[in-house]
PDB file of N, CA and C in Angstrom:
ATOM      1  N   UNK A   1      42.905 -55.239  25.231  1.00  0.00           N
ATOM      2  CA  UNK A   1      43.279 -55.713  26.761  1.00  0.00           C
ATOM      3  C   UNK A   1      44.599 -55.122  27.294  1.00  0.00           C
ATOM      4  N   UNK A   2      44.223 -54.583  28.370  1.00  0.00           N
ATOM      5  CA  UNK A   2      45.320 -54.022  29.096  1.00  0.00           C
ATOM      6  C   UNK A   2      45.923 -54.989  29.919  1.00  0.00           C
ATOM      7  N   UNK A   3      47.283 -54.487  30.503  1.00  0.00           N
ATOM      8  CA  UNK A   3      48.045 -55.375  31.406  1.00  0.00           C
ATOM      9  C   UNK A   3      47.406 -55.813  32.428  1.00  0.00           C
ATOM     10  N   UNK A   4      47.200 -57.342  32.473  1.00  0.00           N
ATOM     11  CA  UNK A   4      46.396 -57.716  33.733  1.00  0.00           C
ATOM     12  C   UNK A   4      45.216 -57.983  33.448  1.00  0.00           C
ATOM     13  N   UNK A   5      44.693 -57.771  32.391  1.00  0.00           N
ATOM     14  CA  UNK A   5      43.200 -57.999  32.315  1.00  0.00           C
ATOM     15  C   UNK A   5      43.189 -59.436  31.717  1.00  0.00           C
ATOM     16  N   UNK A   6      41.503 -59.966  31.797  1.00  0.00           N
ATOM     17  CA  UNK A   6      41.522 -61.108  31.261  1.00  0.00           C
ATOM     18  C   UNK A   6      41.321 -61.025  29.695  1.00  0.00           C
ATOM     19  N   UNK A   7      41.513 -62.050  29.088  1.00  0.00           N
ATOM     20  CA  UNK A   7      41.288 -61.791  27.491  1.00  0.00           C
ATOM     21  C   UNK A   7      39.667 -61.606  27.180  1.00  0.00           C
ATOM     22  N   UNK A   8      39.346 -60.885  26.158  1.00  0.00           N
ATOM     23  CA  UNK A   8      38.218 -60.260  25.775  1.00  0.00           C
ATOM     24  C   UNK A   8      37.106 -62.000  25.680  1.00  0.00           C
ATOM     25  N   UNK A   9      37.917 -62.911  25.146  1.00  0.00           N
ATOM     26  CA  UNK A   9      37.160 -64.027  24.913  1.00  0.00           C
ATOM     27  C   UNK A   9      36.750 -65.309  26.138  1.00  0.00           C
ATOM     28  N   UNK A  10      37.349 -64.616  27.273  1.00  0.00           N
ATOM     29  CA  UNK A  10      37.237 -65.494  28.546  1.00  0.00           C
ATOM     30  C   UNK A  10      35.685 -65.138  29.165  1.00  0.00           C
ATOM     31  N   UNK A  11      34.954 -65.979  29.526  1.00  0.00           N
ATOM     32  CA  UNK A  11      33.614 -65.700  30.120  1.00  0.00           C
ATOM     33  C   UNK A  11      33.436 -66.828  31.221  1.00  0.00           C
ATOM     34  N   UNK A  12      33.503 -66.393  32.459  1.00  0.00           N
ATOM     35  CA  UNK A  12      33.871 -67.224  33.568  1.00  0.00           C
ATOM     36  C   UNK A  12      32.781 -68.290  33.819  1.00  0.00           C
ATOM     37  N   UNK A  13      31.415 -67.655  33.216  1.00  0.00           N
ATOM     38  CA  UNK A  13      30.381 -68.737  33.468  1.00  0.00           C
ATOM     39  C   UNK A  13      30.337 -69.873  32.621  1.00  0.00           C
ATOM     40  N   UNK A  14      31.127 -69.543  31.381  1.00  0.00           N
ATOM     41  CA  UNK A  14      31.296 -70.696  30.336  1.00  0.00           C
ATOM     42  C   UNK A  14      32.512 -71.670  30.763  1.00  0.00           C
ATOM     43  N   UNK A  15      33.685 -70.663  31.066  1.00  0.00           N
ATOM     44  CA  UNK A  15      34.950 -71.700  31.204  1.00  0.00           C
ATOM     45  C   UNK A  15      35.485 -71.749  32.784  1.00  0.00           C
ATOM     46  N   UNK A  16      34.728 -71.243  33.631  1.00  0.00           N
ATOM     47  CA  UNK A  16      34.950 -71.582  34.990  1.00  0.00           C
ATOM     48  C   UNK A  16      36.057 -70.690  35.560  1.00  0.00           C
ATOM     49  N   UNK A  17      36.946 -71.362  36.580  1.00  0.00           N
ATOM     50  CA  UNK A  17      38.190 -70.534  36.967  1.00  0.00           C
ATOM     51  C   UNK A  17      39.222 -70.220  35.710  1.00  0.00           C
ATOM     52  N   UNK A  18      39.747 -69.009  35.798  1.00  0.00           N
ATOM     53  CA  UNK A  18      40.601 -68.542  34.891  1.00  0.00           C
ATOM     54  C   UNK A  18      41.893 -69.417  34.988  1.00  0.00           C
ATOM     55  N   UNK A  19      42.412 -69.932  33.886  1.00  0.00           N
ATOM     56  CA  UNK A  19      43.679 -70.670  33.692  1.00  0.00           C
ATOM     57  C   UNK A  19      44.567 -69.833  32.666  1.00  0.00           C
ATOM     58  N   UNK A  20      45.693 -69.406  33.321  1.00  0.00           N
ATOM     59  CA  UNK A  20      46.557 -68.410  32.387  1.00  0.00           C
ATOM     60  C   UNK A  20      47.255 -69.508  31.137  1.00  0.00           C
ATOM     61  N   UNK A  21      47.328 -70.609  31.365  1.00  0.00           N
ATOM     62  CA  UNK A  21      47.847 -71.496  30.213  1.00  0.00           C
ATOM     63  C   UNK A  21      46.746 -72.077  29.223  1.00  0.00           C
ATOM     64  N   UNK A  22      45.891 -71.372  29.103  1.00  0.00           N
ATOM     65  CA  UNK A  22      44.766 -71.801  28.476  1.00  0.00           C
ATOM     66  C   UNK A  22      44.464 -70.783  27.331  1.00  0.00           C
ATOM     67  N   UNK A  23      44.122 -71.191  26.099  1.00  0.00           N
ATOM     68  CA  UNK A  23      43.855 -70.100  25.093  1.00  0.00           C
ATOM     69  C   UNK A  23      42.368 -69.961  24.872  1.00  0.00           C
ATOM     70  N   UNK A  24      41.427 -68.931  25.065  1.00  0.00           N
ATOM     71  CA  UNK A  24      40.210 -69.098  24.931  1.00  0.00           C
ATOM     72  C   UNK A  24      39.693 -68.114  23.664  1.00  0.00           C
ATOM     73  N   UNK A  25      40.489 -68.065  22.579  1.00  0.00           N
ATOM     74  CA  UNK A  25      39.917 -67.825  21.487  1.00  0.00           C
ATOM     75  C   UNK A  25      39.398 -68.774  20.771  1.00  0.00           C
ATOM     76  N   UNK A  26      39.057 -68.448  19.582  1.00  0.00           N
ATOM     77  CA  UNK A  26      38.579 -69.315  18.454  1.00  0.00           C
ATOM     78  C   UNK A  26      39.478 -70.261  18.036  1.00  0.00           C
ATOM     79  N   UNK A  27      39.279 -71.622  18.149  1.00  0.00           N
ATOM     80  CA  UNK A  27      40.332 -72.436  17.943  1.00  0.00           C
ATOM     81  C   UNK A  27      40.522 -72.482  16.186  1.00  0.00           C
ATOM     82  N   UNK A  28      41.788 -72.592  15.863  1.00  0.00           N
ATOM     83  CA  UNK A  28      42.274 -72.624  14.434  1.00  0.00           C
ATOM     84  C   UNK A  28      42.769 -73.622  14.086  1.00  0.00           C
ATOM     85  N   UNK A  29      43.126 -74.063  12.825  1.00  0.00           N
ATOM     86  CA  UNK A  29      43.500 -75.199  12.125  1.00  0.00           C
ATOM     87  C   UNK A  29      45.246 -75.461  12.671  1.00  0.00           C
ATOM     88  N   UNK A  30      45.511 -76.466  13.361  1.00  0.00           N
ATOM     89  CA  UNK A  30      46.758 -76.469  13.724  1.00  0.00           C
ATOM     90  C   UNK A  30      47.725 -76.499  12.564  1.00  0.00           C
ATOM     91  N   UNK A  31      48.887 -76.047  12.733  1.00  0.00           N
ATOM     92  CA  UNK A  31      49.843 -75.960  11.590  1.00  0.00           C
ATOM     93  C   UNK A  31      50.218 -77.181  11.145  1.00  0.00           C
ATOM     94  N   UNK A  32      50.422 -78.336  11.699  1.00  0.00           N
ATOM     95  CA  UNK A  32      50.546 -79.512  11.043  1.00  0.00           C
ATOM     96  C   UNK A  32      49.502 -80.161  10.284  1.00  0.00           C
ATOM     97  N   UNK A  33      47.964 -79.594  10.265  1.00  0.00           N
ATOM     98  CA  UNK A  33      47.055 -80.082   9.416  1.00  0.00           C
ATOM     99  C   UNK A  33      46.922 -78.690   8.131  1.00  0.00           C
ATOM    100  N   UNK A  34      47.690 -77.746   7.813  1.00  0.00           N
ATOM    101  CA  UNK A  34      47.514 -76.908   7.202  1.00  0.00           C
ATOM    102  C   UNK A  34      48.260 -77.428   5.796  1.00  0.00           C
ATOM    103  N   UNK A  35      47.554 -77.290   4.651  1.00  0.00           N
ATOM    104  CA  UNK A  35      48.038 -77.345   3.468  1.00  0.00           C
ATOM    105  C   UNK A  35      49.079 -76.444   2.687  1.00  0.00           C
ATOM    106  N   UNK A  36      49.600 -76.802   1.697  1.00  0.00           N
ATOM    107  CA  UNK A  36      50.421 -75.799   1.351  1.00  0.00           C
ATOM    108  C   UNK A  36      49.708 -74.724   0.495  1.00  0.00           C
ATOM    109  N   UNK A  37      48.470 -75.055  -0.060  1.00  0.00           N
ATOM    110  CA  UNK A  37      47.815 -73.891  -0.633  1.00  0.00           C
ATOM    111  C   UNK A  37      47.178 -73.043   0.362  1.00  0.00           C
ATOM    112  N   UNK A  38      47.001 -73.577   1.263  1.00  0.00           N
ATOM    113  CA  UNK A  38      46.264 -72.509   2.476  1.00  0.00           C
ATOM    114  C   UNK A  38      47.349 -71.916   3.262  1.00  0.00           C
ATOM    115  N   UNK A  39      48.449 -72.003   3.299  1.00  0.00           N
ATOM    116  CA  UNK A  39      49.664 -71.485   4.162  1.00  0.00           C
ATOM    117  C   UNK A  39      49.619 -70.174   4.360  1.00  0.00           C
ATOM    118  N   UNK A  40      49.220 -69.453   3.186  1.00  0.00           N
ATOM    119  CA  UNK A  40      49.377 -67.752   3.068  1.00  0.00           C
ATOM    120  C   UNK A  40      48.220 -67.364   3.785  1.00  0.00           C
ATOM    121  N   UNK A  41      46.895 -68.036   3.801  1.00  0.00           N
ATOM    122  CA  UNK A  41      45.812 -67.277   4.467  1.00  0.00           C
ATOM    123  C   UNK A  41      46.187 -67.488   6.080  1.00  0.00           C
ATOM    124  N   UNK A  42      46.593 -69.004   6.076  1.00  0.00           N
ATOM    125  CA  UNK A  42      46.906 -69.331   7.646  1.00  0.00           C
ATOM    126  C   UNK A  42      47.895 -68.484   8.166  1.00  0.00           C
ATOM    127  N   UNK A  43      48.891 -68.046   7.629  1.00  0.00           N
ATOM    128  CA  UNK A  43      49.965 -66.939   8.019  1.00  0.00           C
ATOM    129  C   UNK A  43      49.274 -65.498   8.266  1.00  0.00           C
ATOM    130  N   UNK A  44      48.276 -65.216   7.405  1.00  0.00           N
ATOM    131  CA  UNK A  44      47.542 -63.906   7.320  1.00  0.00           C
ATOM    132  C   UNK A  44      46.686 -63.920   8.628  1.00  0.00           C
ATOM    133  N   UNK A  45      46.208 -64.926   9.017  1.00  0.00           N
ATOM    134  CA  UNK A  45      45.221 -64.813  10.306  1.00  0.00           C
ATOM    135  C   UNK A  45      46.148 -64.606  11.297  1.00  0.00           C
ATOM    136  N   UNK A  46      47.456 -64.488  11.501  1.00  0.00           N
ATOM    137  CA  UNK A  46      48.506 -64.695  12.851  1.00  0.00           C
ATOM    138  C   UNK A  46      48.545 -63.217  12.882  1.00  0.00           C
ATOM    139  N   UNK A  47      48.823 -62.862  14.182  1.00  0.00           N
ATOM    140  CA  UNK A  47      49.231 -61.257  14.432  1.00  0.00           C
ATOM    141  C   UNK A  47      50.340 -61.073  15.339  1.00  0.00           C
ATOM    142  N   UNK A  48      51.135 -60.245  15.237  1.00  0.00           N
ATOM    143  CA  UNK A  48      52.250 -60.211  16.139  1.00  0.00           C
ATOM    144  C   UNK A  48      51.651 -59.858  17.451  1.00  0.00           C
ATOM    145  N   UNK A  49      50.742 -59.270  17.913  1.00  0.00           N
ATOM    146  CA  UNK A  49      50.549 -59.055  19.239  1.00  0.00           C
ATOM    147  C   UNK A  49      49.929 -60.285  19.890  1.00  0.00           C
ATOM    148  N   UNK A  50      49.929 -61.341  19.118  1.00  0.00           N
ATOM    149  CA  UNK A  50      49.743 -62.659  19.842  1.00  0.00           C
ATOM    150  C   UNK A  50      50.681 -63.485  20.350  1.00  0.00           C
ATOM    151  N   UNK A  51      52.143 -63.034  19.909  1.00  0.00           N
ATOM    152  CA  UNK A  51      53.196 -63.517  20.332  1.00  0.00           C
ATOM    153  C   UNK A  51      53.428 -63.400  21.862  1.00  0.00           C
ATOM    154  N   UNK A  52      53.189 -62.461  22.440  1.00  0.00           N
ATOM    155  CA  UNK A  52      53.614 -62.480  23.983  1.00  0.00           C
ATOM    156  C   UNK A  52      52.394 -63.219  24.676  1.00  0.00           C
ATOM    157  N   UNK A  53      51.148 -63.189  24.328  1.00  0.00           N
ATOM    158  CA  UNK A  53      50.247 -64.057  24.842  1.00  0.00           C
ATOM    159  C   UNK A  53      50.656 -65.578  24.844  1.00  0.00           C
ATOM    160  N   UNK A  54      51.158 -65.980  23.453  1.00  0.00           N
ATOM    161  CA  UNK A  54      51.586 -67.246  23.375  1.00  0.00           C
ATOM    162  C   UNK A  54      52.786 -67.836  24.320  1.00  0.00           C
ATOM    163  N   UNK A  55      53.642 -66.516  24.401  1.00  0.00           N
ATOM    164  CA  UNK A  55      54.775 -67.012  25.405  1.00  0.00           C
ATOM    165  C   UNK A  55      54.648 -67.019  26.717  1.00  0.00           C
ATOM    166  N   UNK A  56      53.600 -66.119  27.143  1.00  0.00           N
ATOM    167  CA  UNK A  56      52.991 -66.398  28.483  1.00  0.00           C
ATOM    168  C   UNK A  56      52.499 -67.597  28.769  1.00  0.00           C
ATOM    169  N   UNK A  57      51.524 -68.240  27.842  1.00  0.00           N
ATOM    170  CA  UNK A  57      50.650 -69.448  28.125  1.00  0.00           C
ATOM    171  C   UNK A  57      51.743 -70.352  28.239  1.00  0.00           C
ATOM    172  N   UNK A  58      53.017 -70.518  27.332  1.00  0.00           N
ATOM    173  CA  UNK A  58      53.821 -71.663  27.414  1.00  0.00           C
ATOM    174  C   UNK A  58      54.668 -71.590  28.623  1.00  0.00           C
ATOM    175  N   UNK A  59      54.677 -70.417  29.289  1.00  0.00           N
ATOM    176  CA  UNK A  59      55.463 -69.937  30.507  1.00  0.00           C
ATOM    177  C   UNK A  59      54.743 -70.733  31.440  1.00  0.00           C
ATOM    178  N   UNK A  60      53.321 -70.591  31.559  1.00  0.00           N
ATOM    179  CA  UNK A  60      52.552 -71.171  32.482  1.00  0.00           C
ATOM    180  C   UNK A  60      52.350 -72.258  32.531  1.00  0.00           C
ATOM    181  N   UNK A  61      52.503 -72.923  31.300  1.00  0.00           N
ATOM    182  CA  UNK A  61      52.221 -74.630  31.116  1.00  0.00           C
ATOM    183  C   UNK A  61      53.330 -75.302  31.389  1.00  0.00           C
ATOM    184  N   UNK A  62      54.456 -74.456  31.364  1.00  0.00           N
ATOM    185  CA  UNK A  62      55.883 -75.060  31.975  1.00  0.00           C
ATOM    186  C   UNK A  62      55.524 -75.118  33.441  1.00  0.00           C
ATOM    187  N   UNK A  63      55.354 -74.066  33.977  1.00  0.00           N
ATOM    188  CA  UNK A  63      55.219 -73.900  35.566  1.00  0.00           C
ATOM    189  C   UNK A  63      54.099 -74.766  36.148  1.00  0.00           C
ATOM    190  N   UNK A  64      53.078 -74.837  35.397  1.00  0.00           N
ATOM    191  CA  UNK A  64      52.076 -76.059  35.836  1.00  0.00           C
ATOM    192  C   UNK A  64      52.821 -77.338  35.834  1.00  0.00           C
ATOM    193  N   UNK A  65      53.337 -77.537  34.803  1.00  0.00           N
ATOM    194  CA  UNK A  65      53.730 -79.043  34.482  1.00  0.00           C
ATOM    195  C   UNK A  65      55.143 -79.735  35.398  1.00  0.00           C
ATOM    196  N   UNK A  66      55.969 -78.686  35.578  1.00  0.00           N
ATOM    197  CA  UNK A  66      57.321 -78.832  36.227  1.00  0.00           C
ATOM    198  C   UNK A  66      57.385 -78.153  37.515  1.00  0.00           C
ATOM    199  N   UNK A  67      56.889 -76.914  37.695  1.00  0.00           N
ATOM    200  CA  UNK A  67      57.317 -76.410  38.875  1.00  0.00           C
ATOM    201  C   UNK A  67      56.448 -76.346  40.089  1.00  0.00           C
ATOM    202  N   UNK A  68      55.271 -76.374  39.792  1.00  0.00           N
ATOM    203  CA  UNK A  68      54.518 -76.077  40.807  1.00  0.00           C
ATOM    204  C   UNK A  68      53.483 -77.355  41.120  1.00  0.00           C
ATOM    205  N   UNK A  69      53.799 -78.576  40.889  1.00  0.00           N
ATOM    206  CA  UNK A  69      53.229 -79.787  41.468  1.00  0.00           C
ATOM    207  C   UNK A  69      53.591 -79.929  42.620  1.00  0.00           C
ATOM    208  N   UNK A  70      52.817 -80.713  43.608  1.00  0.00           N
ATOM    209  CA  UNK A  70      53.332 -80.934  44.989  1.00  0.00           C
ATOM    210  C   UNK A  70      54.465 -81.627  45.004  1.00  0.00           C
ATOM    211  N   UNK A  71      54.723 -82.702  44.343  1.00  0.00           N
ATOM    212  CA  UNK A  71      55.854 -83.380  44.311  1.00  0.00           C
ATOM    213  C   UNK A  71      56.907 -83.255  43.160  1.00  0.00           C
ATOM    214  N   UNK A  72      57.543 -81.960  42.939  1.00  0.00           N
ATOM    215  CA  UNK A  72      58.437 -81.766  41.721  1.00  0.00           C
ATOM    216  C   UNK A  72      59.841 -82.615  41.887  1.00  0.00           C
ATOM    217  N   UNK A  73      60.376 -82.784  40.918  1.00  0.00           N
ATOM    218  CA  UNK A  73      61.245 -83.259  40.748  1.00  0.00           C
ATOM    219  C   UNK A  73      62.803 -82.429  40.446  1.00  0.00           C
ATOM    220  N   UNK A  74      63.742 -82.995  39.895  1.00  0.00           N
ATOM    221  CA  UNK A  74      65.013 -82.317  39.417  1.00  0.00           C
ATOM    222  C   UNK A  74      64.812 -81.557  38.062  1.00  0.00           C
ATOM    223  N   UNK A  75      63.781 -81.947  37.297  1.00  0.00           N
ATOM    224  CA  UNK A  75      63.583 -81.404  35.936  1.00  0.00           C
ATOM    225  C   UNK A  75      63.679 -79.948  35.735  1.00  0.00           C
ATOM    226  N   UNK A  76      62.647 -79.062  36.351  1.00  0.00           N
ATOM    227  CA  UNK A  76      62.887 -77.841  36.221  1.00  0.00           C
ATOM    228  C   UNK A  76      64.222 -77.061  36.188  1.00  0.00           C
ATOM    229  N   UNK A  77      64.813 -77.380  37.285  1.00  0.00           N
ATOM    230  CA  UNK A  77      66.286 -77.145  37.712  1.00  0.00           C
ATOM    231  C   UNK A  77      67.413 -77.377  36.837  1.00  0.00           C
ATOM    232  N   UNK A  78      67.134 -78.459  36.171  1.00  0.00           N
ATOM    233  CA  UNK A  78      68.074 -79.007  35.112  1.00  0.00           C
ATOM    234  C   UNK A  78      67.838 -78.221  33.479  1.00  0.00           C
ATOM    235  N   UNK A  79      66.472 -78.200  33.659  1.00  0.00           N
ATOM    236  CA  UNK A  79      66.093 -77.604  32.355  1.00  0.00           C
ATOM    237  C   UNK A  79      66.501 -75.984  32.162  1.00  0.00           C
ATOM    238  N   UNK A  80      66.326 -75.456  33.564  1.00  0.00           N
ATOM    239  CA  UNK A  80      66.978 -74.053  33.527  1.00  0.00           C
ATOM    240  C   UNK A  80      68.311 -73.973  33.530  1.00  0.00           C
ATOM    241  N   UNK A  81      68.874 -75.000  33.936  1.00  0.00           N
ATOM    242  CA  UNK A  81      70.482 -74.943  33.535  1.00  0.00           C
ATOM    243  C   UNK A  81      71.041 -75.223  32.168  1.00  0.00           C
ATOM    244  N   UNK A  82      70.366 -76.214  31.862  1.00  0.00           N
ATOM    245  CA  UNK A  82      70.811 -76.434  30.244  1.00  0.00           C
ATOM    246  C   UNK A  82      70.424 -75.068  29.729  1.00  0.00           C
ATOM    247  N   UNK A  83      69.148 -74.604  29.678  1.00  0.00           N
ATOM    248  CA  UNK A  83      68.671 -73.486  28.979  1.00  0.00           C
ATOM    249  C   UNK A  83      69.814 -72.207  29.077  1.00  0.00           C
ATOM    250  N   UNK A  84      70.218 -72.038  30.293  1.00  0.00           N
ATOM    251  CA  UNK A  84      71.097 -70.751  30.824  1.00  0.00           C
ATOM    252  C   UNK A  84      72.450 -71.111  29.855  1.00  0.00           C
ATOM    253  N   UNK A  85      73.013 -72.280  30.127  1.00  0.00           N
ATOM    254  CA  UNK A  85      74.216 -72.722  29.304  1.00  0.00           C
ATOM    255  C   UNK A  85      74.386 -72.598  27.777  1.00  0.00           C
ATOM    256  N   UNK A  86      73.100 -72.931  27.280  1.00  0.00           N
ATOM    257  CA  UNK A  86      72.923 -72.546  25.919  1.00  0.00           C
ATOM    258  C   UNK A  86      72.836 -71.131  25.288  1.00  0.00           C
ATOM    259  N   UNK A  87      72.293 -70.464  26.280  1.00  0.00           N
ATOM    260  CA  UNK A  87      72.090 -68.743  26.319  1.00  0.00           C
ATOM    261  C   UNK A  87      73.317 -68.499  26.335  1.00  0.00           C
ATOM    262  N   UNK A  88      73.910 -68.756  27.364  1.00  0.00           N
ATOM    263  CA  UNK A  88      75.558 -67.742  27.368  1.00  0.00           C
ATOM    264  C   UNK A  88      76.363 -68.428  26.586  1.00  0.00           C
ATOM    265  N   UNK A  89      76.139 -69.664  25.949  1.00  0.00           N
ATOM    266  CA  UNK A  89      77.197 -69.845  25.236  1.00  0.00           C
ATOM    267  C   UNK A  89      76.992 -69.292  23.701  1.00  0.00           C
ATOM    268  N   UNK A  90      75.596 -69.113  23.274  1.00  0.00           N
ATOM    269  CA  UNK A  90      75.299 -68.206  22.168  1.00  0.00           C
ATOM    270  C   UNK A  90      75.672 -66.680  22.310  1.00  0.00           C
ATOM    271  N   UNK A  91      75.381 -66.026  23.421  1.00  0.00           N
ATOM    272  CA  UNK A  91      76.000 -64.613  23.340  1.00  0.00           C
ATOM    273  C   UNK A  91      77.565 -64.478  23.397  1.00  0.00           C
ATOM    274  N   UNK A  92      78.039 -65.460  23.898  1.00  0.00           N
ATOM    275  CA  UNK A  92      79.686 -65.486  23.619  1.00  0.00           C
ATOM    276  C   UNK A  92      80.191 -66.139  22.597  1.00  0.00           C
ATOM    277  N   UNK A  93      79.689 -66.803  21.791  1.00  0.00           N
ATOM    278  CA  UNK A  93      80.262 -67.410  20.739  1.00  0.00           C
ATOM    279  C   UNK A  93      81.085 -66.608  20.005  1.00  0.00           C
ATOM    280  N   UNK A  94      81.025 -65.271  19.553  1.00  0.00           N
ATOM    281  CA  UNK A  94      81.787 -64.345  18.966  1.00  0.00           C
ATOM    282  C   UNK A  94      83.086 -64.247  19.772  1.00  0.00           C
ATOM    283  N   UNK A  95      83.325 -64.286  20.913  1.00  0.00           N
ATOM    284  CA  UNK A  95      84.576 -64.155  21.794  1.00  0.00           C
ATOM    285  C   UNK A  95      85.137 -65.447  21.781  1.00  0.00           C
ATOM    286  N   UNK A  96      84.522 -66.608  22.125  1.00  0.00           N
ATOM    287  CA  UNK A  96      85.054 -67.899  22.258  1.00  0.00           C
ATOM    288  C   UNK A  96      85.555 -68.422  20.520  1.00  0.00           C
ATOM    289  N   UNK A  97      85.087 -67.959  19.610  1.00  0.00           N
ATOM    290  CA  UNK A  97      85.462 -68.576  18.484  1.00  0.00           C
ATOM    291  C   UNK A  97      87.183 -68.049  17.966  1.00  0.00           C
ATOM    292  N   UNK A  98      87.619 -66.968  18.614  1.00  0.00           N
ATOM    293  CA  UNK A  98      88.923 -66.569  18.320  1.00  0.00           C
ATOM    294  C   UNK A  98      90.021 -67.207  19.286  1.00  0.00           C
ATOM    295  N   UNK A  99      89.386 -68.021  20.191  1.00  0.00           N
ATOM    296  CA  UNK A  99      90.269 -68.483  21.247  1.00  0.00           C
ATOM    297  C   UNK A  99      90.597 -70.100  20.463  1.00  0.00           C
ATOM    298  N   UNK A 100      90.311 -70.757  19.262  1.00  0.00           N
ATOM    299  CA  UNK A 100      90.156 -71.907  18.939  1.00  0.00           C
ATOM    300  C   UNK A 100      91.770 -72.376  19.006  1.00  0.00           C
ATOM    301  N   UNK A 101      91.912 -73.422  19.159  1.00  0.00           N
ATOM    302  CA  UNK A 101      93.648 -74.249  18.869  1.00  0.00           C
ATOM    303  C   UNK A 101      93.657 -74.294  17.211  1.00  0.00           C
ATOM    304  N   UNK A 102      94.686 -73.823  16.615  1.00  0.00           N
ATOM    305  CA  UNK A 102      94.816 -74.237  15.281  1.00  0.00           C
ATOM    306  C   UNK A 102      96.201 -74.881  15.058  1.00  0.00           C
ATOM    307  N   UNK A 103      96.164 -75.548  14.222  1.00  0.00           N
ATOM    308  CA  UNK A 103      97.363 -76.655  14.087  1.00  0.00           C
ATOM    309  C   UNK A 103      98.712 -75.693  13.936  1.00  0.00           C
ATOM    310  N   UNK A 104      98.285 -74.709  12.844  1.00  0.00           N
ATOM    311  CA  UNK A 104      99.654 -74.089  12.627  1.00  0.00           C
ATOM    312  C   UNK A 104      98.968 -72.537  12.631  1.00  0.00           C
ATOM    313  N   UNK A 105     100.295 -71.486  13.401  1.00  0.00           N
ATOM    314  CA  UNK A 105      99.678 -70.337  13.871  1.00  0.00           C
ATOM    315  C   UNK A 105     100.297 -69.263  12.780  1.00  0.00           C
TER     316      UNK A 105
END
Protein backbone atom coordinates (compact mmCIF):
# COMPACT_ATOMS: atom_id res chain seq x y z
CA UNK A 1 0.00 0.00 0.00
CA UNK A 2 1.53 3.28 -1.11
CA UNK A 3 0.86 6.64 0.47
CA UNK A 4 -2.69 7.73 -0.35
CA UNK A 5 -3.94 4.32 -1.50
CA UNK A 6 -6.88 2.45 -0.04
CA UNK A 7 -6.09 -0.58 2.13
CA UNK A 8 -5.90 -3.88 0.26
CA UNK A 9 -8.82 -5.26 2.30
CA UNK A 10 -11.17 -2.43 1.29
CA UNK A 11 -13.85 -3.36 -1.25
CA UNK A 12 -16.18 -0.49 -2.24
CA UNK A 13 -18.94 -2.91 -3.31
CA UNK A 14 -18.97 -4.55 0.12
CA UNK A 15 -18.00 -1.71 2.46
CA UNK A 16 -19.56 1.29 0.74
CA UNK A 17 -17.91 4.71 1.00
CA UNK A 18 -14.40 4.70 2.43
CA UNK A 19 -14.08 5.68 6.09
CA UNK A 20 -10.49 6.39 7.24
CA UNK A 21 -11.47 5.73 10.87
CA UNK A 22 -12.45 2.08 10.20
CA UNK A 23 -10.22 -1.00 10.09
CA UNK A 24 -11.04 -3.09 7.01
CA UNK A 25 -8.82 -6.07 7.84
CA UNK A 26 -9.78 -9.37 9.40
CA UNK A 27 -10.91 -8.79 13.01
CA UNK A 28 -8.71 -10.27 15.70
CA UNK A 29 -9.26 -11.08 19.37
CA UNK A 30 -9.41 -7.87 21.45
CA UNK A 31 -6.56 -7.44 23.92
CA UNK A 32 -8.91 -7.63 26.89
CA UNK A 33 -10.05 -11.12 25.86
CA UNK A 34 -6.58 -12.60 25.31
CA UNK A 35 -5.57 -15.30 27.81
CA UNK A 36 -2.04 -15.29 29.25
CA UNK A 37 -1.13 -18.49 27.40
CA UNK A 38 -2.18 -16.93 24.07
CA UNK A 39 -0.38 -13.63 24.63
CA UNK A 40 2.78 -14.66 22.76
CA UNK A 41 0.93 -15.72 19.62
CA UNK A 42 -1.31 -12.63 19.83
CA UNK A 43 1.75 -10.35 19.96
CA UNK A 44 3.32 -12.34 17.11
CA UNK A 45 0.39 -11.43 14.85
CA UNK A 46 1.11 -7.73 15.36
CA UNK A 47 3.39 -5.90 12.96
CA UNK A 48 5.30 -2.65 13.27
CA UNK A 49 3.89 -1.55 9.91
CA UNK A 50 0.39 -1.38 11.37
CA UNK A 51 1.25 1.29 13.95
CA UNK A 52 1.00 4.28 11.56
CA UNK A 53 -2.36 2.99 10.34
CA UNK A 54 -3.62 2.64 13.90
CA UNK A 55 -2.49 6.19 14.70
CA UNK A 56 -4.23 7.46 11.56
CA UNK A 57 -7.47 5.67 12.48
CA UNK A 58 -7.32 7.12 16.00
CA UNK A 59 -6.74 10.60 14.54
CA UNK A 60 -9.75 10.31 12.22
CA UNK A 61 -11.98 8.92 14.98
CA UNK A 62 -11.07 11.93 17.13
CA UNK A 63 -11.71 14.25 14.19
CA UNK A 64 -15.12 12.73 13.45
CA UNK A 65 -16.19 12.75 17.10
CA UNK A 66 -14.96 16.14 18.33
CA UNK A 67 -13.84 18.43 15.49
CA UNK A 68 -16.03 17.85 12.44
CA UNK A 69 -19.61 17.72 13.84
CA UNK A 70 -21.85 20.61 12.86
CA UNK A 71 -22.27 21.76 16.45
CA UNK A 72 -18.88 21.17 17.99
CA UNK A 73 -18.14 22.41 21.47
CA UNK A 74 -15.05 23.54 23.31
CA UNK A 75 -13.83 19.96 23.94
CA UNK A 76 -11.34 19.66 21.02
CA UNK A 77 -9.71 22.96 21.93
CA UNK A 78 -9.38 21.99 25.58
CA UNK A 79 -8.03 18.55 24.63
CA UNK A 80 -5.39 20.12 22.38
CA UNK A 81 -4.49 22.64 25.08
CA UNK A 82 -4.08 19.99 27.80
CA UNK A 83 -2.18 17.71 25.43
CA UNK A 84 0.23 20.47 24.41
CA UNK A 85 0.77 21.47 28.05
CA UNK A 86 1.60 17.86 28.96
CA UNK A 87 3.92 17.52 25.94
CA UNK A 88 5.87 20.69 26.70
CA UNK A 89 6.08 19.79 30.39
CA UNK A 90 7.62 16.44 29.46
CA UNK A 91 10.17 17.89 27.06
CA UNK A 92 11.18 20.63 29.52
CA UNK A 93 11.16 18.50 32.69
CA UNK A 94 14.95 18.11 32.68
CA UNK A 95 15.40 21.88 32.73
CA UNK A 96 12.71 22.53 35.35
CA UNK A 97 13.93 19.93 37.82
CA UNK A 98 17.04 22.04 38.52
CA UNK A 99 14.95 25.04 39.55
CA UNK A 100 13.23 23.41 42.51
CA UNK A 101 13.33 25.27 45.80
CA UNK A 102 15.34 23.35 48.36
CA UNK A 103 15.15 24.03 52.07
CA UNK A 104 18.94 24.02 52.49
CA UNK A 105 21.22 25.22 49.74
